[in-house]
């Protein structure tokens, strides 16, 4: 489901080099439909909000944390 929505991380590894994981591909209409619910869930007081706050506390950028919430929702 996450790959269909385009929010599943794709590795960029080669040999011993570990690259960044990028989210790309998928269906843009599904991905955009997940974005606003992810914003509301991150701003709320539930399981997704605590997950978002934990990621921010661990040093993740806000949009990276929103993408993780989108993946959890999907």
PDB file of N, CA and C in Angstrom:
ATOM      1  N   UNK A   1       0.829  -1.189   0.000  1.00  0.00           N
ATOM      2  CA  UNK A   1       0.000   0.000   0.000  1.00  0.00           C
ATOM      3  C   UNK A   1       0.875   1.255   0.000  1.00  0.00           C
ATOM      4  N   UNK A   2       1.939   1.243   0.800  1.00  0.00           N
ATOM      5  CA  UNK A   2       2.820   2.412   0.864  1.00  0.00           C
ATOM      6  C   UNK A   2       3.529   2.636  -0.467  1.00  0.00           C
ATOM      7  N   UNK A   3       3.893   1.561  -1.153  1.00  0.00           N
ATOM      8  CA  UNK A   3       4.545   1.708  -2.455  1.00  0.00           C
ATOM      9  C   UNK A   3       3.566   2.247  -3.491  1.00  0.00           C
ATOM     10  N   UNK A   4       2.300   1.834  -3.405  1.00  0.00           N
ATOM     11  CA  UNK A   4       1.283   2.340  -4.320  1.00  0.00           C
ATOM     12  C   UNK A   4       1.093   3.841  -4.146  1.00  0.00           C
ATOM     13  N   UNK A   5       1.151   4.296  -2.901  1.00  0.00           N
ATOM     14  CA  UNK A   5       0.979   5.725  -2.614  1.00  0.00           C
ATOM     15  C   UNK A   5       2.253   6.517  -2.867  1.00  0.00           C
ATOM     16  N   UNK A   6       3.379   5.836  -3.025  1.00  0.00           N
ATOM     17  CA  UNK A   6       4.638   6.534  -3.275  1.00  0.00           C
ATOM     18  C   UNK A   6       5.285   7.070  -2.021  1.00  0.00           C
ATOM     19  N   UNK A   7       4.998   6.473  -0.869  1.00  0.00           N
ATOM     20  CA  UNK A   7       5.612   6.937   0.375  1.00  0.00           C
ATOM     21  C   UNK A   7       6.532   5.882   0.987  1.00  0.00           C
ATOM     22  N   UNK A   8       6.800   4.801   0.261  1.00  0.00           N
ATOM     23  CA  UNK A   8       7.729   3.785   0.737  1.00  0.00           C
ATOM     24  C   UNK A   8       9.153   4.223   0.393  1.00  0.00           C
ATOM     25  N   UNK A   9      10.085   4.133   1.340  1.00  0.00           N
ATOM     26  CA  UNK A   9      11.457   4.559   1.053  1.00  0.00           C
ATOM     27  C   UNK A   9      12.171   3.575   0.123  1.00  0.00           C
ATOM     28  N   UNK A  10      12.845   4.106  -0.881  1.00  0.00           N
ATOM     29  CA  UNK A  10      13.636   3.305  -1.806  1.00  0.00           C
ATOM     30  C   UNK A  10      15.107   3.544  -1.498  1.00  0.00           C
ATOM     31  N   UNK A  11      15.871   2.460  -1.252  1.00  0.00           N
ATOM     32  CA  UNK A  11      17.287   2.643  -0.911  1.00  0.00           C
ATOM     33  C   UNK A  11      18.113   3.098  -2.107  1.00  0.00           C
ATOM     34  N   UNK A  12      19.185   3.804  -1.807  1.00  0.00           N
ATOM     35  CA  UNK A  12      20.126   4.270  -2.821  1.00  0.00           C
ATOM     36  C   UNK A  12      21.510   3.780  -2.406  1.00  0.00           C
ATOM     37  N   UNK A  13      21.667   2.449  -2.322  1.00  0.00           N
ATOM     38  CA  UNK A  13      22.901   1.839  -1.851  1.00  0.00           C
ATOM     39  C   UNK A  13      23.714   1.300  -3.025  1.00  0.00           C
ATOM     40  N   UNK A  14      25.019   1.231  -2.814  1.00  0.00           N
ATOM     41  CA  UNK A  14      25.904   0.643  -3.796  1.00  0.00           C
ATOM     42  C   UNK A  14      27.128   0.113  -3.069  1.00  0.00           C
ATOM     43  N   UNK A  15      27.285  -1.189  -3.080  1.00  0.00           N
ATOM     44  CA  UNK A  15      28.425  -1.783  -2.387  1.00  0.00           C
ATOM     45  C   UNK A  15      28.367  -1.513  -0.903  1.00  0.00           C
ATOM     46  N   UNK A  16      29.431  -0.936  -0.358  1.00  0.00           N
ATOM     47  CA  UNK A  16      29.466  -0.618   1.067  1.00  0.00           C
ATOM     48  C   UNK A  16      28.894   0.760   1.372  1.00  0.00           C
ATOM     49  N   UNK A  17      28.605   1.540   0.333  1.00  0.00           N
ATOM     50  CA  UNK A  17      28.062   2.890   0.528  1.00  0.00           C
ATOM     51  C   UNK A  17      26.565   2.803   0.817  1.00  0.00           C
ATOM     52  N   UNK A  18      26.159   3.460   1.881  1.00  0.00           N
ATOM     53  CA  UNK A  18      24.743   3.502   2.215  1.00  0.00           C
ATOM     54  C   UNK A  18      24.230   4.894   1.893  1.00  0.00           C
ATOM     55  N   UNK A  19      23.370   4.978   0.899  1.00  0.00           N
ATOM     56  CA  UNK A  19      22.845   6.267   0.471  1.00  0.00           C
ATOM     57  C   UNK A  19      21.571   6.627   1.210  1.00  0.00           C
ATOM     58  N   UNK A  20      21.007   7.756   0.828  1.00  0.00           N
ATOM     59  CA  UNK A  20      19.755   8.211   1.418  1.00  0.00           C
ATOM     60  C   UNK A  20      18.596   7.371   0.903  1.00  0.00           C
ATOM     61  N   UNK A  21      17.562   7.241   1.716  1.00  0.00           N
ATOM     62  CA  UNK A  21      16.326   6.604   1.282  1.00  0.00           C
ATOM     63  C   UNK A  21      15.416   7.709   0.767  1.00  0.00           C
ATOM     64  N   UNK A  22      14.894   7.527  -0.414  1.00  0.00           N
ATOM     65  CA  UNK A  22      14.040   8.547  -1.016  1.00  0.00           C
ATOM     66  C   UNK A  22      12.651   7.962  -1.225  1.00  0.00           C
ATOM     67  N   UNK A  23      11.643   8.822  -1.091  1.00  0.00           N
ATOM     68  CA  UNK A  23      10.301   8.400  -1.461  1.00  0.00           C
ATOM     69  C   UNK A  23      10.004   9.013  -2.814  1.00  0.00           C
ATOM     70  N   UNK A  24       9.613   8.177  -3.737  1.00  0.00           N
ATOM     71  CA  UNK A  24       9.325   8.639  -5.087  1.00  0.00           C
ATOM     72  C   UNK A  24       8.428   7.605  -5.755  1.00  0.00           C
ATOM     73  N   UNK A  25       7.904   7.980  -6.885  1.00  0.00           N
ATOM     74  CA  UNK A  25       7.036   7.080  -7.624  1.00  0.00           C
ATOM     75  C   UNK A  25       5.652   7.020  -7.001  1.00  0.00           C
ATOM     76  N   UNK A  26       4.943   5.999  -7.313  1.00  0.00           N
ATOM     77  CA  UNK A  26       3.595   5.852  -6.800  1.00  0.00           C
ATOM     78  C   UNK A  26       2.615   6.759  -7.519  1.00  0.00           C
ATOM     79  N   UNK A  27       1.426   6.783  -7.014  1.00  0.00           N
ATOM     80  CA  UNK A  27       0.370   7.586  -7.623  1.00  0.00           C
ATOM     81  C   UNK A  27       0.276   8.933  -6.927  1.00  0.00           C
ATOM     82  N   UNK A  28       0.458  10.008  -7.668  1.00  0.00           N
ATOM     83  CA  UNK A  28       0.475  11.333  -7.041  1.00  0.00           C
ATOM     84  C   UNK A  28      -0.849  11.718  -6.405  1.00  0.00           C
ATOM     85  N   UNK A  29      -1.972  11.247  -6.953  1.00  0.00           N
ATOM     86  CA  UNK A  29      -3.258  11.597  -6.357  1.00  0.00           C
ATOM     87  C   UNK A  29      -3.443  10.930  -5.000  1.00  0.00           C
ATOM     88  N   UNK A  30      -2.953   9.698  -4.858  1.00  0.00           N
ATOM     89  CA  UNK A  30      -3.031   9.008  -3.564  1.00  0.00           C
ATOM     90  C   UNK A  30      -2.102   9.682  -2.564  1.00  0.00           C
ATOM     91  N   UNK A  31      -0.884  10.028  -3.013  1.00  0.00           N
ATOM     92  CA  UNK A  31       0.085  10.672  -2.124  1.00  0.00           C
ATOM     93  C   UNK A  31      -0.422  12.031  -1.651  1.00  0.00           C
ATOM     94  N   UNK A  32      -1.012  12.797  -2.556  1.00  0.00           N
ATOM     95  CA  UNK A  32      -1.522  14.108  -2.150  1.00  0.00           C
ATOM     96  C   UNK A  32      -2.747  13.974  -1.254  1.00  0.00           C
ATOM     97  N   UNK A  33      -3.517  12.900  -1.428  1.00  0.00           N
ATOM     98  CA  UNK A  33      -4.667  12.673  -0.551  1.00  0.00           C
ATOM     99  C   UNK A  33      -4.231  12.277   0.857  1.00  0.00           C
ATOM    100  N   UNK A  34      -3.039  11.745   1.015  1.00  0.00           N
ATOM    101  CA  UNK A  34      -2.529  11.372   2.339  1.00  0.00           C
ATOM    102  C   UNK A  34      -1.863  12.538   3.059  1.00  0.00           C
ATOM    103  N   UNK A  35      -1.487  13.581   2.328  1.00  0.00           N
ATOM    104  CA  UNK A  35      -0.695  14.658   2.922  1.00  0.00           C
ATOM    105  C   UNK A  35      -1.467  15.440   3.984  1.00  0.00           C
ATOM    106  N   UNK A  36      -2.662  15.921   3.669  1.00  0.00           N
ATOM    107  CA  UNK A  36      -3.431  16.718   4.632  1.00  0.00           C
ATOM    108  C   UNK A  36      -3.839  15.913   5.869  1.00  0.00           C
ATOM    109  N   UNK A  37      -4.305  14.661   5.726  1.00  0.00           N
ATOM    110  CA  UNK A  37      -4.574  13.882   6.940  1.00  0.00           C
ATOM    111  C   UNK A  37      -3.326  13.662   7.793  1.00  0.00           C
ATOM    112  N   UNK A  38      -2.160  13.539   7.142  1.00  0.00           N
ATOM    113  CA  UNK A  38      -0.921  13.373   7.908  1.00  0.00           C
ATOM    114  C   UNK A  38      -0.588  14.640   8.688  1.00  0.00           C
ATOM    115  N   UNK A  39      -0.818  15.808   8.082  1.00  0.00           N
ATOM    116  CA  UNK A  39      -0.588  17.069   8.799  1.00  0.00           C
ATOM    117  C   UNK A  39      -1.503  17.189  10.008  1.00  0.00           C
ATOM    118  N   UNK A  40      -2.778  16.855   9.833  1.00  0.00           N
ATOM    119  CA  UNK A  40      -3.737  16.948  10.934  1.00  0.00           C
ATOM    120  C   UNK A  40      -3.407  15.926  12.022  1.00  0.00           C
ATOM    121  N   UNK A  41      -3.007  14.724  11.620  1.00  0.00           N
ATOM    122  CA  UNK A  41      -2.672  13.693  12.599  1.00  0.00           C
ATOM    123  C   UNK A  41      -1.430  14.079  13.391  1.00  0.00           C
ATOM    124  N   UNK A  42      -0.463  14.718  12.740  1.00  0.00           N
ATOM    125  CA  UNK A  42       0.759  15.140  13.434  1.00  0.00           C
ATOM    126  C   UNK A  42       0.485  16.281  14.396  1.00  0.00           C
ATOM    127  N   UNK A  43      -0.510  17.109  14.098  1.00  0.00           N
ATOM    128  CA  UNK A  43      -0.829  18.252  14.959  1.00  0.00           C
ATOM    129  C   UNK A  43      -1.783  17.881  16.085  1.00  0.00           C
ATOM    130  N   UNK A  44      -2.341  16.679  16.048  1.00  0.00           N
ATOM    131  CA  UNK A  44      -3.339  16.281  17.039  1.00  0.00           C
ATOM    132  C   UNK A  44      -2.723  15.775  18.331  1.00  0.00           C
ATOM    133  N   UNK A  45      -3.486  14.936  19.022  1.00  0.00           N
ATOM    134  CA  UNK A  45      -3.053  14.401  20.314  1.00  0.00           C
ATOM    135  C   UNK A  45      -3.170  12.886  20.339  1.00  0.00           C
ATOM    136  N   UNK A  46      -2.782  12.223  19.304  1.00  0.00           N
ATOM    137  CA  UNK A  46      -2.940  10.781  19.237  1.00  0.00           C
ATOM    138  C   UNK A  46      -1.621  10.067  19.029  1.00  0.00           C
ATOM    139  N   UNK A  47      -1.759   8.851  18.544  1.00  0.00           N
ATOM    140  CA  UNK A  47      -0.597   8.000  18.296  1.00  0.00           C
ATOM    141  C   UNK A  47       0.320   8.608  17.232  1.00  0.00           C
ATOM    142  N   UNK A  48      -0.269   9.165  16.182  1.00  0.00           N
ATOM    143  CA  UNK A  48       0.534   9.749  15.109  1.00  0.00           C
ATOM    144  C   UNK A  48       1.248  11.017  15.573  1.00  0.00           C
ATOM    145  N   UNK A  49       0.619  11.782  16.452  1.00  0.00           N
ATOM    146  CA  UNK A  49       1.247  13.007  16.961  1.00  0.00           C
ATOM    147  C   UNK A  49       2.459  12.671  17.816  1.00  0.00           C
ATOM    148  N   UNK A  50       2.339  11.644  18.658  1.00  0.00           N
ATOM    149  CA  UNK A  50       3.490  11.263  19.481  1.00  0.00           C
ATOM    150  C   UNK A  50       4.613  10.694  18.614  1.00  0.00           C
ATOM    151  N   UNK A  51       4.250   9.969  17.557  1.00  0.00           N
ATOM    152  CA  UNK A  51       5.243   9.450  16.615  1.00  0.00           C
ATOM    153  C   UNK A  51       5.970  10.602  15.922  1.00  0.00           C
ATOM    154  N   UNK A  52       5.211  11.607  15.463  1.00  0.00           N
ATOM    155  CA  UNK A  52       5.782  12.785  14.806  1.00  0.00           C
ATOM    156  C   UNK A  52       6.717  13.533  15.756  1.00  0.00           C
ATOM    157  N   UNK A  53       6.280  13.765  16.988  1.00  0.00           N
ATOM    158  CA  UNK A  53       7.099  14.498  17.960  1.00  0.00           C
ATOM    159  C   UNK A  53       8.375  13.741  18.306  1.00  0.00           C
ATOM    160  N   UNK A  54       8.291  12.414  18.358  1.00  0.00           N
ATOM    161  CA  UNK A  54       9.481  11.603  18.640  1.00  0.00           C
ATOM    162  C   UNK A  54      10.493  11.726  17.503  1.00  0.00           C
ATOM    163  N   UNK A  55      10.015  11.713  16.264  1.00  0.00           N
ATOM    164  CA  UNK A  55      10.925  11.869  15.125  1.00  0.00           C
ATOM    165  C   UNK A  55      11.594  13.240  15.126  1.00  0.00           C
ATOM    166  N   UNK A  56      10.832  14.292  15.421  1.00  0.00           N
ATOM    167  CA  UNK A  56      11.386  15.644  15.492  1.00  0.00           C
ATOM    168  C   UNK A  56      12.418  15.729  16.613  1.00  0.00           C
ATOM    169  N   UNK A  57      12.129  15.107  17.755  1.00  0.00           N
ATOM    170  CA  UNK A  57      13.069  15.117  18.878  1.00  0.00           C
ATOM    171  C   UNK A  57      14.356  14.373  18.537  1.00  0.00           C
ATOM    172  N   UNK A  58      14.260  13.389  17.641  1.00  0.00           N
ATOM    173  CA  UNK A  58      15.444  12.636  17.226  1.00  0.00           C
ATOM    174  C   UNK A  58      16.219  13.324  16.113  1.00  0.00           C
ATOM    175  N   UNK A  59      15.786  14.531  15.719  1.00  0.00           N
ATOM    176  CA  UNK A  59      16.551  15.309  14.755  1.00  0.00           C
ATOM    177  C   UNK A  59      16.087  15.221  13.316  1.00  0.00           C
ATOM    178  N   UNK A  60      14.949  14.588  13.058  1.00  0.00           N
ATOM    179  CA  UNK A  60      14.441  14.524  11.687  1.00  0.00           C
ATOM    180  C   UNK A  60      13.848  15.871  11.292  1.00  0.00           C
ATOM    181  N   UNK A  61      13.906  16.181  10.018  1.00  0.00           N
ATOM    182  CA  UNK A  61      13.305  17.411   9.512  1.00  0.00           C
ATOM    183  C   UNK A  61      11.784  17.242   9.496  1.00  0.00           C
ATOM    184  N   UNK A  62      11.039  18.348   9.623  1.00  0.00           N
ATOM    185  CA  UNK A  62       9.575  18.237   9.689  1.00  0.00           C
ATOM    186  C   UNK A  62       8.939  17.524   8.495  1.00  0.00           C
ATOM    187  N   UNK A  63       9.404  17.773   7.289  1.00  0.00           N
ATOM    188  CA  UNK A  63       8.795  17.117   6.130  1.00  0.00           C
ATOM    189  C   UNK A  63       9.143  15.632   6.068  1.00  0.00           C
ATOM    190  N   UNK A  64      10.301  15.254   6.593  1.00  0.00           N
ATOM    191  CA  UNK A  64      10.665  13.839   6.669  1.00  0.00           C
ATOM    192  C   UNK A  64       9.744  13.141   7.660  1.00  0.00           C
ATOM    193  N   UNK A  65       9.463  13.808   8.776  1.00  0.00           N
ATOM    194  CA  UNK A  65       8.564  13.243   9.778  1.00  0.00           C
ATOM    195  C   UNK A  65       7.137  13.146   9.239  1.00  0.00           C
ATOM    196  N   UNK A  66       6.698  14.136   8.457  1.00  0.00           N
ATOM    197  CA  UNK A  66       5.360  14.080   7.851  1.00  0.00           C
ATOM    198  C   UNK A  66       5.283  12.910   6.872  1.00  0.00           C
ATOM    199  N   UNK A  67       6.347  12.681   6.109  1.00  0.00           N
ATOM    200  CA  UNK A  67       6.372  11.547   5.179  1.00  0.00           C
ATOM    201  C   UNK A  67       6.280  10.229   5.935  1.00  0.00           C
ATOM    202  N   UNK A  68       6.905  10.148   7.105  1.00  0.00           N
ATOM    203  CA  UNK A  68       6.814   8.938   7.917  1.00  0.00           C
ATOM    204  C   UNK A  68       5.394   8.745   8.441  1.00  0.00           C
ATOM    205  N   UNK A  69       4.731   9.830   8.816  1.00  0.00           N
ATOM    206  CA  UNK A  69       3.335   9.739   9.259  1.00  0.00           C
ATOM    207  C   UNK A  69       2.447   9.316   8.089  1.00  0.00           C
ATOM    208  N   UNK A  70       2.721   9.837   6.902  1.00  0.00           N
ATOM    209  CA  UNK A  70       1.960   9.425   5.718  1.00  0.00           C
ATOM    210  C   UNK A  70       2.106   7.928   5.483  1.00  0.00           C
ATOM    211  N   UNK A  71       3.295   7.414   5.673  1.00  0.00           N
ATOM    212  CA  UNK A  71       3.528   5.980   5.478  1.00  0.00           C
ATOM    213  C   UNK A  71       2.788   5.167   6.525  1.00  0.00           C
ATOM    214  N   UNK A  72       2.756   5.661   7.774  1.00  0.00           N
ATOM    215  CA  UNK A  72       2.020   4.961   8.830  1.00  0.00           C
ATOM    216  C   UNK A  72       0.527   4.930   8.532  1.00  0.00           C
ATOM    217  N   UNK A  73       0.000   6.036   7.999  1.00  0.00           N
ATOM    218  CA  UNK A  73      -1.428   6.106   7.700  1.00  0.00           C
ATOM    219  C   UNK A  73      -1.793   5.151   6.568  1.00  0.00           C
ATOM    220  N   UNK A  74      -0.914   5.024   5.576  1.00  0.00           N
ATOM    221  CA  UNK A  74      -1.256   4.209   4.400  1.00  0.00           C
ATOM    222  C   UNK A  74      -1.288   2.737   4.674  1.00  0.00           C
TER     223      UNK A  74
END
